[in-house]
Amino acid sequence: MARLLLQTSNLTLTNLAREGKLEVDDAGRGRMGDIPLPDQAHGIYEDLHGRESGEALSDALQHHCRRYFGTPIRAYLQRLVRETKNVRQFLNGERKFYRGALKAKLTSTHRKPLNRNSGRYATTFAAGSLASHYGIVPWSRKQILRAILKCELDQLRQPDESLDTSRPSIETLRPKFVKFLRENKSAFMDLKKQRPRHGRDDVGAVPGYREKVSGQRWLYLTAKQLDAIIGTGVDARQLKQALVTEGLMAQKTLGKFVVQRRIFKSGKRNQNFAWVHAVKADILDENRQKS
């Protein structure tokens, strides 16, 4: 039985291997698909479809999955049973078409497809195309092709990106972040002295917030503020993960880097809390900096 594994770490398979002082080859990448998160997006989502956050969209998807569980596959299998003779020919043709489309995309690059993985992408496209043909899914064949091709092309791009020294890296983003904190700390609102009013003041009206809790100094920034400093790409996520690993950034939920902290006043119950990046002021200590 063919198996396809997808790893969901914030770090790529290549970077995880390097942290362990190992090298991963194409055979490993072919067995474990590593699709990077899209840049300038909301985690794994490029479109929140009207929801206020990725978490809200995930909750909605889980609700719909529980409600309609099994409905599409039953319709799919009923059509398969009725049209068995034509299905094999259709799927083979679609797999061949996908490989041709991939080859055309790779013509102008130096990348080569990973045959094991590429075959699975081709099968996924063929199955999706058949479901679209049956009217079981709302996406067109063209939309399905574009989405699956992007996943495979992004995976093939990853090893090259990890070696590209022209791109920003943790080594360059971290000093940039520390510099921002040093230069703007005095403008951070001291929550021991004042707080913004819920419903009246914008949480992003100041560069950030600072307070001392149980003897520990904390600096708070909204996700929008941190994104403006270090960006939203792979390297920015790696920097956040590095800070969490070092104990310099608070993390409540695995894979998420924002936590709830009491920022506002005048609100009722949880209204005074906001989602922020909570960073220990220890990062500003000379002996904790990394060049």
Protein backbone atom coordinates (compact mmCIF):
# COMPACT_ATOMS: atom_id res chain seq x y z
CA MET A 1 0.00 0.00 0.00
CA ALA A 2 1.40 3.41 -0.96
CA ARG A 3 1.61 5.83 1.90
CA LEU A 4 2.04 9.59 1.82
CA LEU A 5 3.22 11.36 4.96
CA LEU A 6 2.93 15.08 5.48
CA GLN A 7 4.94 16.69 8.27
CA THR A 8 3.38 19.74 9.93
CA SER A 9 6.30 21.30 11.79
CA ASN A 10 6.90 25.04 11.52
CA LEU A 11 10.38 24.07 10.33
CA THR A 12 10.95 22.32 7.02
CA LEU A 13 12.19 18.74 6.86
CA THR A 14 15.56 20.04 5.62
CA ASN A 15 15.91 22.51 8.50
CA LEU A 16 14.84 19.92 11.08
CA ALA A 17 17.50 17.56 9.76
CA ARG A 18 20.16 20.24 9.88
CA GLU A 19 19.32 21.10 13.48
CA GLY A 20 20.09 17.45 14.20
CA LYS A 21 23.29 17.75 12.12
CA LEU A 22 21.89 15.36 9.52
CA GLU A 23 21.33 15.65 5.80
CA VAL A 24 18.10 14.64 4.13
CA ASP A 25 18.15 13.53 0.50
CA ASP A 26 15.49 13.35 -2.20
CA ALA A 27 14.58 9.82 -1.12
CA GLY A 28 13.56 11.22 2.27
CA ARG A 29 11.70 14.15 0.76
CA GLY A 30 9.92 11.78 -1.57
CA ARG A 31 8.59 9.78 1.38
CA MET A 32 7.62 12.73 3.55
CA GLY A 33 5.91 15.59 1.79
CA ASP A 34 6.90 19.01 3.11
CA ILE A 35 4.55 21.72 1.84
CA PRO A 36 5.53 25.14 3.26
CA LEU A 37 2.96 27.56 4.59
CA PRO A 38 2.04 30.27 2.08
CA ASP A 39 3.67 33.66 2.61
CA GLN A 40 1.50 36.67 3.39
CA ALA A 41 -1.32 34.41 4.55
CA HIS A 42 -3.10 33.29 7.71
CA GLY A 43 -1.16 30.20 8.72
CA ILE A 44 -2.22 27.41 6.38
CA TYR A 45 -5.03 29.53 4.91
CA GLU A 46 -4.68 31.95 2.03
CA ASP A 47 -8.32 33.03 2.38
CA LEU A 48 -10.29 33.13 5.66
CA HIS A 49 -13.63 33.16 3.79
CA GLY A 50 -15.09 35.86 6.00
CA ARG A 51 -13.85 34.40 9.30
CA GLU A 52 -11.93 36.61 11.72
CA SER A 53 -9.01 34.20 12.18
CA GLY A 54 -7.50 30.91 11.07
CA GLU A 55 -8.71 29.34 14.30
CA ALA A 56 -12.31 30.38 13.56
CA LEU A 57 -12.09 28.91 10.04
CA SER A 58 -10.65 25.66 11.42
CA ASP A 59 -13.52 25.43 13.92
CA ALA A 60 -16.04 25.97 11.12
CA LEU A 61 -14.43 23.29 8.94
CA GLN A 62 -14.43 20.80 11.83
CA HIS A 63 -18.11 21.54 12.45
CA HIS A 64 -19.02 20.93 8.81
CA CYS A 65 -16.90 17.77 8.68
CA ARG A 66 -18.76 16.34 11.66
CA ARG A 67 -22.11 17.31 10.19
CA TYR A 68 -21.55 16.03 6.65
CA PHE A 69 -19.10 13.22 7.37
CA GLY A 70 -19.30 10.48 4.72
CA THR A 71 -21.68 12.30 2.35
CA PRO A 72 -19.22 13.08 -0.47
CA ILE A 73 -17.53 9.65 -0.44
CA ARG A 74 -20.87 7.84 -0.67
CA ALA A 75 -21.81 9.84 -3.76
CA TYR A 76 -18.34 9.28 -5.15
CA LEU A 77 -18.45 5.50 -4.69
CA GLN A 78 -21.93 5.21 -6.17
CA ARG A 79 -20.74 6.81 -9.38
CA LEU A 80 -17.58 4.70 -9.42
CA VAL A 81 -19.56 1.48 -9.19
CA ARG A 82 -21.80 2.50 -12.09
CA GLU A 83 -18.94 3.61 -14.33
CA THR A 84 -16.16 1.14 -13.49
CA LYS A 85 -15.22 0.50 -17.12
CA ASN A 86 -14.47 4.13 -17.91
CA VAL A 87 -12.90 5.18 -14.60
CA ARG A 88 -9.51 3.55 -15.07
CA GLN A 89 -9.02 5.15 -18.46
CA PHE A 90 -10.11 8.55 -17.10
CA LEU A 91 -7.77 8.41 -14.09
CA ASN A 92 -4.79 7.28 -16.18
CA GLY A 93 -5.40 10.12 -18.60
CA GLU A 94 -5.61 12.68 -15.79
CA ARG A 95 -2.44 11.39 -14.13
CA LYS A 96 -0.63 11.72 -17.46
CA PHE A 97 -2.06 15.21 -17.95
CA TYR A 98 -0.83 16.29 -14.49
CA ARG A 99 2.69 15.05 -15.14
CA GLY A 100 2.72 16.97 -18.42
CA ALA A 101 1.56 20.16 -16.68
CA LEU A 102 4.25 19.72 -14.01
CA LYS A 103 6.96 19.16 -16.62
CA ALA A 104 5.93 22.35 -18.40
CA LYS A 105 6.19 24.30 -15.13
CA LEU A 106 9.66 22.91 -14.43
CA THR A 107 11.05 23.48 -17.93
CA SER A 108 12.50 26.89 -17.09
CA THR A 109 13.97 25.75 -13.76
CA HIS A 110 16.71 23.38 -12.65
CA ARG A 111 14.36 21.40 -10.43
CA LYS A 112 13.39 17.80 -10.97
CA PRO A 113 10.24 16.14 -9.65
CA LEU A 114 10.49 13.56 -6.88
CA ASN A 115 8.96 10.59 -8.68
CA ARG A 116 7.44 8.95 -5.60
CA ASN A 117 5.76 12.14 -4.44
CA SER A 118 4.94 13.34 -7.93
CA GLY A 119 3.00 10.16 -8.60
CA ARG A 120 0.89 10.78 -5.50
CA TYR A 121 0.22 14.37 -6.48
CA ALA A 122 -0.86 13.10 -9.90
CA THR A 123 -3.21 10.58 -8.29
CA THR A 124 -4.65 13.27 -6.01
CA PHE A 125 -5.31 15.49 -9.02
CA ALA A 126 -6.92 12.63 -10.94
CA ALA A 127 -9.24 11.81 -8.04
CA GLY A 128 -10.13 15.47 -7.56
CA SER A 129 -10.73 15.92 -11.26
CA LEU A 130 -13.08 12.94 -11.26
CA ALA A 131 -14.95 14.35 -8.25
CA SER A 132 -15.27 17.67 -10.08
CA HIS A 133 -16.53 15.85 -13.18
CA TYR A 134 -19.14 14.13 -11.02
CA GLY A 135 -20.19 17.46 -9.47
CA ILE A 136 -19.29 16.28 -5.97
CA VAL A 137 -16.89 19.15 -5.22
CA PRO A 138 -17.45 22.82 -6.15
CA TRP A 139 -14.00 23.35 -7.69
CA SER A 140 -13.23 23.18 -11.38
CA ARG A 141 -10.57 20.90 -12.87
CA LYS A 142 -8.45 23.98 -13.53
CA GLN A 143 -8.67 25.15 -9.91
CA ILE A 144 -7.73 21.71 -8.61
CA LEU A 145 -4.78 21.48 -10.99
CA ARG A 146 -3.51 24.93 -9.97
CA ALA A 147 -3.76 24.16 -6.24
CA ILE A 148 -2.01 20.76 -6.41
CA LEU A 149 0.71 22.02 -8.74
CA LYS A 150 1.44 24.86 -6.32
CA CYS A 151 1.83 22.40 -3.43
CA GLU A 152 4.31 20.27 -5.35
CA LEU A 153 6.24 23.22 -6.76
CA ASP A 154 6.50 24.79 -3.30
CA GLN A 155 7.84 21.53 -1.92
CA LEU A 156 10.45 21.31 -4.68
CA ARG A 157 11.48 24.90 -4.00
CA GLN A 158 12.11 24.36 -0.27
CA PRO A 159 15.61 22.78 -0.37
CA ASP A 160 16.84 25.60 -2.61
CA GLU A 161 15.39 28.26 -0.30
CA SER A 162 17.09 26.80 2.74
CA LEU A 163 20.45 27.29 1.01
CA ASP A 164 19.73 30.76 -0.40
CA THR A 165 21.86 33.19 1.58
CA SER A 166 20.28 36.18 -0.14
CA ARG A 167 17.00 35.62 1.70
CA PRO A 168 16.44 36.94 5.24
CA SER A 169 17.34 34.39 7.91
CA ILE A 170 17.05 34.05 11.66
CA GLU A 171 20.58 35.42 11.90
CA THR A 172 19.49 38.66 10.21
CA LEU A 173 15.93 38.92 11.51
CA ARG A 174 16.83 38.48 15.17
CA PRO A 175 19.17 41.51 15.40
CA LYS A 176 16.55 43.52 13.51
CA PHE A 177 13.89 42.53 16.05
CA VAL A 178 16.16 43.24 19.04
CA LYS A 179 17.11 46.61 17.55
CA PHE A 180 13.44 47.54 17.22
CA LEU A 181 12.78 46.60 20.85
CA ARG A 182 15.79 48.59 22.08
CA GLU A 183 14.89 51.68 20.09
CA ASN A 184 11.17 51.63 20.90
CA LYS A 185 10.97 50.16 24.40
CA SER A 186 10.62 53.59 25.99
CA ALA A 187 7.50 54.17 23.86
CA PHE A 188 5.92 50.90 24.97
CA MET A 189 2.95 51.57 27.25
CA ASP A 190 3.71 50.60 30.86
CA LEU A 191 0.66 48.59 31.89
CA LYS A 192 1.40 49.15 35.56
CA LYS A 193 0.75 52.87 35.04
CA GLN A 194 -1.96 52.97 32.37
CA ARG A 195 -3.98 50.78 30.04
CA PRO A 196 -5.97 51.44 26.85
CA ARG A 197 -9.74 51.53 27.27
CA HIS A 198 -11.67 48.65 25.78
CA GLY A 199 -13.94 49.73 22.94
CA ARG A 200 -12.32 53.16 22.64
CA ASP A 201 -8.57 52.74 22.16
CA ASP A 202 -6.83 50.82 19.38
CA VAL A 203 -4.55 48.07 20.70
CA GLY A 204 -2.02 48.96 18.00
CA ALA A 205 -1.92 52.68 18.79
CA VAL A 206 1.44 52.30 20.57
CA PRO A 207 4.52 50.32 19.42
CA GLY A 208 3.91 47.75 22.15
CA TYR A 209 3.31 47.19 25.86
CA ARG A 210 5.48 46.33 28.83
CA GLU A 211 4.83 45.06 32.31
CA LYS A 212 6.45 43.15 35.12
CA VAL A 213 4.74 39.97 36.30
CA SER A 214 6.10 37.95 39.23
CA GLY A 215 9.48 39.59 38.83
CA GLN A 216 9.68 38.86 35.08
CA ARG A 217 9.75 41.72 32.57
CA TRP A 218 7.55 41.20 29.51
CA LEU A 219 7.17 43.01 26.20
CA TYR A 220 3.93 42.61 24.23
CA LEU A 221 3.35 43.21 20.51
CA THR A 222 0.33 42.47 18.38
CA ALA A 223 0.70 39.99 15.52
CA LYS A 224 0.37 42.86 13.04
CA GLN A 225 3.16 44.79 14.76
CA LEU A 226 5.55 41.83 14.80
CA ASP A 227 4.75 40.96 11.18
CA ALA A 228 5.72 44.52 10.19
CA ILE A 229 9.14 44.03 11.81
CA ILE A 230 10.17 40.50 10.79
CA GLY A 231 7.69 39.61 8.05
CA THR A 232 5.47 36.56 7.75
CA GLY A 233 7.55 34.06 5.78
CA VAL A 234 9.28 30.82 6.71
CA ASP A 235 12.21 32.57 8.40
CA ALA A 236 9.92 34.70 10.56
CA ARG A 237 8.18 31.55 11.80
CA GLN A 238 11.54 29.93 12.47
CA LEU A 239 12.63 32.93 14.53
CA LYS A 240 9.46 32.73 16.62
CA GLN A 241 10.00 29.02 17.16
CA ALA A 242 13.62 29.65 18.17
CA LEU A 243 12.52 32.24 20.74
CA VAL A 244 9.97 29.80 22.15
CA THR A 245 12.61 27.06 22.37
CA GLU A 246 14.95 29.43 24.23
CA GLY A 247 12.18 30.39 26.65
CA LEU A 248 12.10 33.98 25.39
CA MET A 249 8.60 33.89 23.86
CA ALA A 250 5.46 32.59 25.55
CA GLN A 251 3.48 29.87 23.79
CA LYS A 252 0.25 28.28 24.95
CA THR A 253 -0.79 26.28 21.89
CA LEU A 254 1.66 24.30 19.76
CA GLY A 255 2.14 25.93 16.38
CA LYS A 256 0.73 29.29 17.51
CA PHE A 257 2.85 32.11 18.83
CA VAL A 258 0.25 34.43 20.33
CA VAL A 259 -1.10 34.29 23.88
CA GLN A 260 -3.81 36.16 25.74
CA ARG A 261 -2.70 38.93 28.07
CA ARG A 262 -4.69 41.55 30.00
CA ILE A 263 -4.13 44.75 28.04
CA PHE A 264 -7.32 46.82 28.31
CA LYS A 265 -9.36 48.31 31.12
CA SER A 266 -13.07 49.15 31.37
CA GLY A 267 -14.14 45.95 29.61
CA LYS A 268 -16.25 43.16 31.05
CA ARG A 269 -14.71 39.80 31.93
CA ASN A 270 -12.47 38.61 29.07
CA GLN A 271 -12.92 41.79 27.04
CA ASN A 272 -9.81 43.26 28.65
CA PHE A 273 -7.64 40.48 27.18
CA ALA A 274 -5.99 40.62 23.77
CA TRP A 275 -3.97 38.18 21.64
CA VAL A 276 -0.33 39.31 21.59
CA HIS A 277 3.20 38.04 21.16
CA ALA A 278 4.69 37.97 24.67
CA VAL A 279 8.49 38.32 24.66
CA LYS A 280 10.71 38.34 27.74
CA ALA A 281 12.74 41.53 28.07
CA ASP A 282 15.74 39.24 28.71
CA ILE A 283 16.18 39.22 24.94
CA LEU A 284 17.63 42.69 25.29
CA ASP A 285 20.43 41.50 27.58
CA GLU A 286 23.78 41.63 25.83
CA ASN A 287 24.69 38.05 26.64
CA ARG A 288 21.41 36.73 25.16
CA GLN A 289 21.78 38.34 21.75
CA LYS A 290 22.82 36.38 18.71
CA SER A 291 24.67 37.87 15.83
